[in-house]
Amino acid sequence: MNIPQRLRALSAEIAELQTEIRILDEQIEFQSSVTEDARIRALVSETPLADREAQVADGDLARIIRSKEEAMKRLEQLRAEQDGLLERMVQDDRNR
């Protein structure tokens, strides 16, 4: 794959990841609210079921946060690759 083709592919992949990250942000906001509600219920009711629901909600939130962190890391890698390819293109143009 030549540089312009790879740049187009990277651009599409970056756009998809940015959309995924926005969705994950919305999920984190929602799940944070669910988790907080579950924690409050667990404190008020002091039942094993409420405690378990709070733990599950907390685990779900942690998983979503990890997914976002992984997506952010991948986005950083793609942008670095994109920057490298753009630099190569500039260098190739200067050498002509």
N, C-alpha and C. Protein backbone atom coordinates (compact mmCIF):
# COMPACT_ATOMS: atom_id res chain seq x y z
N MET A 1 0.85 -1.18 0.00
CA MET A 1 0.00 0.00 0.00
C MET A 1 0.90 1.24 0.00
N ASN A 2 0.62 2.16 -0.90
CA ASN A 2 1.44 3.36 -0.94
C ASN A 2 1.01 4.36 0.14
N ILE A 3 1.79 5.41 0.30
CA ILE A 3 1.56 6.35 1.40
C ILE A 3 0.18 7.01 1.33
N PRO A 4 -0.23 7.56 0.18
CA PRO A 4 -1.57 8.18 0.16
C PRO A 4 -2.70 7.20 0.50
N GLN A 5 -2.59 5.97 0.03
CA GLN A 5 -3.62 4.98 0.35
C GLN A 5 -3.63 4.68 1.85
N ARG A 6 -2.46 4.53 2.42
CA ARG A 6 -2.36 4.24 3.86
C ARG A 6 -2.89 5.42 4.67
N LEU A 7 -2.61 6.64 4.21
CA LEU A 7 -3.11 7.82 4.92
C LEU A 7 -4.64 7.87 4.88
N ARG A 8 -5.23 7.51 3.75
CA ARG A 8 -6.69 7.47 3.67
C ARG A 8 -7.25 6.41 4.62
N ALA A 9 -6.61 5.25 4.64
CA ALA A 9 -7.05 4.18 5.53
C ALA A 9 -6.91 4.61 6.99
N LEU A 10 -5.80 5.25 7.32
CA LEU A 10 -5.59 5.73 8.69
C LEU A 10 -6.64 6.77 9.06
N SER A 11 -6.93 7.66 8.14
CA SER A 11 -7.91 8.70 8.39
C SER A 11 -9.28 8.09 8.71
N ALA A 12 -9.66 7.08 7.96
CA ALA A 12 -10.94 6.41 8.21
C ALA A 12 -10.92 5.70 9.57
N GLU A 13 -9.81 5.04 9.87
CA GLU A 13 -9.70 4.33 11.14
C GLU A 13 -9.71 5.30 12.32
N ILE A 14 -9.05 6.44 12.16
CA ILE A 14 -9.04 7.46 13.20
C ILE A 14 -10.45 8.00 13.43
N ALA A 15 -11.18 8.25 12.35
CA ALA A 15 -12.55 8.75 12.47
C ALA A 15 -13.43 7.73 13.21
N GLU A 16 -13.28 6.46 12.88
CA GLU A 16 -14.05 5.41 13.56
C GLU A 16 -13.73 5.37 15.05
N LEU A 17 -12.44 5.46 15.36
CA LEU A 17 -12.03 5.43 16.77
C LEU A 17 -12.56 6.64 17.53
N GLN A 18 -12.54 7.79 16.89
CA GLN A 18 -13.05 8.99 17.55
C GLN A 18 -14.54 8.84 17.85
N THR A 19 -15.27 8.24 16.94
CA THR A 19 -16.69 7.96 17.18
C THR A 19 -16.85 6.98 18.33
N GLU A 20 -16.04 5.93 18.31
CA GLU A 20 -16.09 4.94 19.39
C GLU A 20 -15.80 5.59 20.74
N ILE A 21 -14.83 6.48 20.78
CA ILE A 21 -14.46 7.16 22.04
C ILE A 21 -15.60 8.05 22.52
N ARG A 22 -16.27 8.74 21.60
CA ARG A 22 -17.42 9.57 22.00
C ARG A 22 -18.53 8.69 22.60
N ILE A 23 -18.76 7.54 21.98
CA ILE A 23 -19.78 6.61 22.51
C ILE A 23 -19.37 6.10 23.89
N LEU A 24 -18.09 5.75 24.03
CA LEU A 24 -17.60 5.29 25.33
C LEU A 24 -17.73 6.37 26.39
N ASP A 25 -17.48 7.63 26.01
CA ASP A 25 -17.67 8.74 26.96
C ASP A 25 -19.11 8.80 27.45
N GLU A 26 -20.06 8.63 26.51
CA GLU A 26 -21.47 8.64 26.90
C GLU A 26 -21.79 7.45 27.80
N GLN A 27 -21.22 6.29 27.48
CA GLN A 27 -21.45 5.11 28.31
C GLN A 27 -20.86 5.29 29.70
N ILE A 28 -19.70 5.91 29.78
CA ILE A 28 -19.07 6.17 31.08
C ILE A 28 -19.94 7.10 31.91
N GLU A 29 -20.46 8.13 31.28
CA GLU A 29 -21.33 9.07 32.00
C GLU A 29 -22.57 8.35 32.53
N PHE A 30 -23.20 7.55 31.68
CA PHE A 30 -24.39 6.81 32.11
C PHE A 30 -24.05 5.80 33.20
N GLN A 31 -23.00 5.01 32.97
CA GLN A 31 -22.65 3.97 33.93
C GLN A 31 -22.18 4.56 35.26
N SER A 32 -21.58 5.73 35.23
CA SER A 32 -21.19 6.40 36.48
C SER A 32 -22.42 6.70 37.32
N SER A 33 -23.47 7.15 36.65
CA SER A 33 -24.72 7.43 37.35
C SER A 33 -25.33 6.15 37.91
N VAL A 34 -25.34 5.10 37.11
CA VAL A 34 -25.86 3.80 37.55
C VAL A 34 -25.06 3.30 38.75
N THR A 35 -23.75 3.42 38.67
CA THR A 35 -22.87 2.95 39.75
C THR A 35 -23.11 3.73 41.03
N GLU A 36 -23.23 5.04 40.91
CA GLU A 36 -23.47 5.87 42.09
C GLU A 36 -24.82 5.51 42.73
N ASP A 37 -25.84 5.34 41.90
CA ASP A 37 -27.16 4.94 42.44
C ASP A 37 -27.07 3.59 43.14
N ALA A 38 -26.36 2.65 42.55
CA ALA A 38 -26.23 1.31 43.15
C ALA A 38 -25.47 1.39 44.47
N ARG A 39 -24.45 2.23 44.54
CA ARG A 39 -23.70 2.38 45.79
C ARG A 39 -24.59 2.96 46.90
N ILE A 40 -25.37 3.95 46.53
CA ILE A 40 -26.27 4.57 47.52
C ILE A 40 -27.30 3.55 48.02
N ARG A 41 -27.88 2.78 47.07
CA ARG A 41 -28.84 1.74 47.47
C ARG A 41 -28.19 0.72 48.40
N ALA A 42 -26.94 0.37 48.09
CA ALA A 42 -26.23 -0.61 48.92
C ALA A 42 -26.00 -0.05 50.33
N LEU A 43 -25.68 1.22 50.42
CA LEU A 43 -25.46 1.84 51.74
C LEU A 43 -26.76 1.92 52.54
N VAL A 44 -27.83 2.29 51.86
CA VAL A 44 -29.11 2.47 52.54
C VAL A 44 -29.73 1.14 52.93
N SER A 45 -29.73 0.19 52.00
CA SER A 45 -30.43 -1.07 52.26
C SER A 45 -29.60 -2.08 53.04
N GLU A 46 -28.30 -2.01 52.88
CA GLU A 46 -27.38 -2.92 53.57
C GLU A 46 -27.76 -4.39 53.38
N THR A 47 -28.11 -4.75 52.14
CA THR A 47 -28.43 -6.15 51.83
C THR A 47 -27.35 -6.72 50.92
N PRO A 48 -27.16 -8.03 50.98
CA PRO A 48 -26.18 -8.66 50.09
C PRO A 48 -26.50 -8.43 48.60
N LEU A 49 -27.77 -8.44 48.25
CA LEU A 49 -28.15 -8.23 46.86
C LEU A 49 -27.78 -6.82 46.40
N ALA A 50 -28.05 -5.83 47.21
CA ALA A 50 -27.70 -4.45 46.86
C ALA A 50 -26.18 -4.28 46.77
N ASP A 51 -25.45 -4.94 47.68
CA ASP A 51 -23.99 -4.89 47.61
C ASP A 51 -23.49 -5.51 46.31
N ARG A 52 -24.08 -6.63 45.94
CA ARG A 52 -23.68 -7.32 44.70
C ARG A 52 -23.99 -6.45 43.49
N GLU A 53 -25.14 -5.81 43.47
CA GLU A 53 -25.50 -4.93 42.35
C GLU A 53 -24.51 -3.77 42.24
N ALA A 54 -24.09 -3.24 43.37
CA ALA A 54 -23.11 -2.15 43.37
C ALA A 54 -21.77 -2.64 42.82
N GLN A 55 -21.37 -3.85 43.21
CA GLN A 55 -20.11 -4.41 42.70
C GLN A 55 -20.17 -4.64 41.19
N VAL A 56 -21.29 -5.15 40.72
CA VAL A 56 -21.46 -5.39 39.29
C VAL A 56 -21.41 -4.07 38.52
N ALA A 57 -22.13 -3.07 39.02
CA ALA A 57 -22.14 -1.77 38.36
C ALA A 57 -20.73 -1.17 38.34
N ASP A 58 -20.01 -1.31 39.44
CA ASP A 58 -18.64 -0.80 39.51
C ASP A 58 -17.72 -1.53 38.52
N GLY A 59 -17.90 -2.84 38.42
CA GLY A 59 -17.11 -3.61 37.46
C GLY A 59 -17.42 -3.23 36.03
N ASP A 60 -18.69 -2.99 35.74
CA ASP A 60 -19.08 -2.56 34.39
C ASP A 60 -18.44 -1.22 34.05
N LEU A 61 -18.46 -0.31 35.00
CA LEU A 61 -17.85 1.00 34.79
C LEU A 61 -16.35 0.86 34.54
N ALA A 62 -15.70 0.03 35.31
CA ALA A 62 -14.25 -0.18 35.15
C ALA A 62 -13.95 -0.75 33.77
N ARG A 63 -14.77 -1.67 33.28
CA ARG A 63 -14.56 -2.24 31.95
C ARG A 63 -14.71 -1.20 30.84
N ILE A 64 -15.71 -0.34 30.98
CA ILE A 64 -15.91 0.71 29.98
C ILE A 64 -14.73 1.68 29.99
N ILE A 65 -14.27 2.02 31.17
CA ILE A 65 -13.12 2.93 31.28
C ILE A 65 -11.88 2.30 30.65
N ARG A 66 -11.67 1.01 30.90
CA ARG A 66 -10.52 0.32 30.27
C ARG A 66 -10.65 0.32 28.75
N SER A 67 -11.85 0.10 28.26
CA SER A 67 -12.07 0.12 26.81
C SER A 67 -11.73 1.48 26.23
N LYS A 68 -12.12 2.53 26.93
CA LYS A 68 -11.79 3.88 26.45
C LYS A 68 -10.28 4.11 26.47
N GLU A 69 -9.63 3.67 27.54
CA GLU A 69 -8.18 3.84 27.63
C GLU A 69 -7.47 3.12 26.48
N GLU A 70 -7.95 1.91 26.18
CA GLU A 70 -7.37 1.16 25.06
C GLU A 70 -7.61 1.87 23.73
N ALA A 71 -8.81 2.40 23.55
CA ALA A 71 -9.13 3.13 22.32
C ALA A 71 -8.27 4.39 22.21
N MET A 72 -8.06 5.07 23.32
CA MET A 72 -7.23 6.28 23.30
C MET A 72 -5.78 5.94 22.96
N LYS A 73 -5.30 4.83 23.50
CA LYS A 73 -3.94 4.39 23.20
C LYS A 73 -3.80 4.06 21.71
N ARG A 74 -4.79 3.35 21.18
CA ARG A 74 -4.78 3.00 19.75
C ARG A 74 -4.86 4.25 18.89
N LEU A 75 -5.67 5.23 19.30
CA LEU A 75 -5.77 6.48 18.56
C LEU A 75 -4.43 7.20 18.54
N GLU A 76 -3.76 7.20 19.65
CA GLU A 76 -2.43 7.82 19.73
C GLU A 76 -1.45 7.13 18.77
N GLN A 77 -1.51 5.80 18.71
CA GLN A 77 -0.63 5.05 17.80
C GLN A 77 -0.95 5.37 16.34
N LEU A 78 -2.22 5.44 16.01
CA LEU A 78 -2.61 5.74 14.63
C LEU A 78 -2.17 7.15 14.24
N ARG A 79 -2.35 8.09 15.15
CA ARG A 79 -1.92 9.46 14.85
C ARG A 79 -0.40 9.54 14.68
N ALA A 80 0.33 8.79 15.48
CA ALA A 80 1.79 8.77 15.34
C ALA A 80 2.18 8.18 13.98
N GLU A 81 1.50 7.10 13.59
CA GLU A 81 1.77 6.52 12.28
C GLU A 81 1.42 7.51 11.17
N GLN A 82 0.30 8.19 11.32
CA GLN A 82 -0.11 9.19 10.34
C GLN A 82 0.93 10.31 10.25
N ASP A 83 1.41 10.79 11.38
CA ASP A 83 2.43 11.83 11.39
C ASP A 83 3.70 11.36 10.69
N GLY A 84 4.08 10.12 10.95
CA GLY A 84 5.28 9.57 10.31
C GLY A 84 5.12 9.49 8.81
N LEU A 85 3.97 9.07 8.35
CA LEU A 85 3.73 8.98 6.90
C LEU A 85 3.70 10.36 6.26
N LEU A 86 3.10 11.32 6.94
CA LEU A 86 3.09 12.68 6.40
C LEU A 86 4.51 13.24 6.32
N GLU A 87 5.30 12.95 7.32
CA GLU A 87 6.71 13.38 7.30
C GLU A 87 7.46 12.74 6.13
N ARG A 88 7.20 11.45 5.92
CA ARG A 88 7.84 10.77 4.77
C ARG A 88 7.41 11.39 3.46
N MET A 89 6.14 11.75 3.34
CA MET A 89 5.66 12.38 2.11
C MET A 89 6.37 13.72 1.88
N VAL A 90 6.51 14.49 2.95
CA VAL A 90 7.18 15.80 2.84
C VAL A 90 8.64 15.58 2.43
N GLN A 91 9.30 14.62 3.05
CA GLN A 91 10.68 14.33 2.72
C GLN A 91 10.81 13.88 1.25
N ASP A 92 9.90 13.02 0.82
CA ASP A 92 9.93 12.56 -0.56
C ASP A 92 9.75 13.73 -1.54
N ASP A 93 8.84 14.65 -1.19
CA ASP A 93 8.61 15.83 -2.05
C ASP A 93 9.84 16.72 -2.08
N ARG A 94 10.54 16.85 -0.97
CA ARG A 94 11.74 17.69 -0.92
C ARG A 94 12.88 17.07 -1.72
N ASN A 95 12.92 15.75 -1.76
CA ASN A 95 14.00 15.04 -2.48
C ASN A 95 13.77 15.01 -3.98
N ARG A 96 12.62 15.44 -4.43
CA ARG A 96 12.34 15.44 -5.87
C ARG A 96 12.82 16.68 -6.54
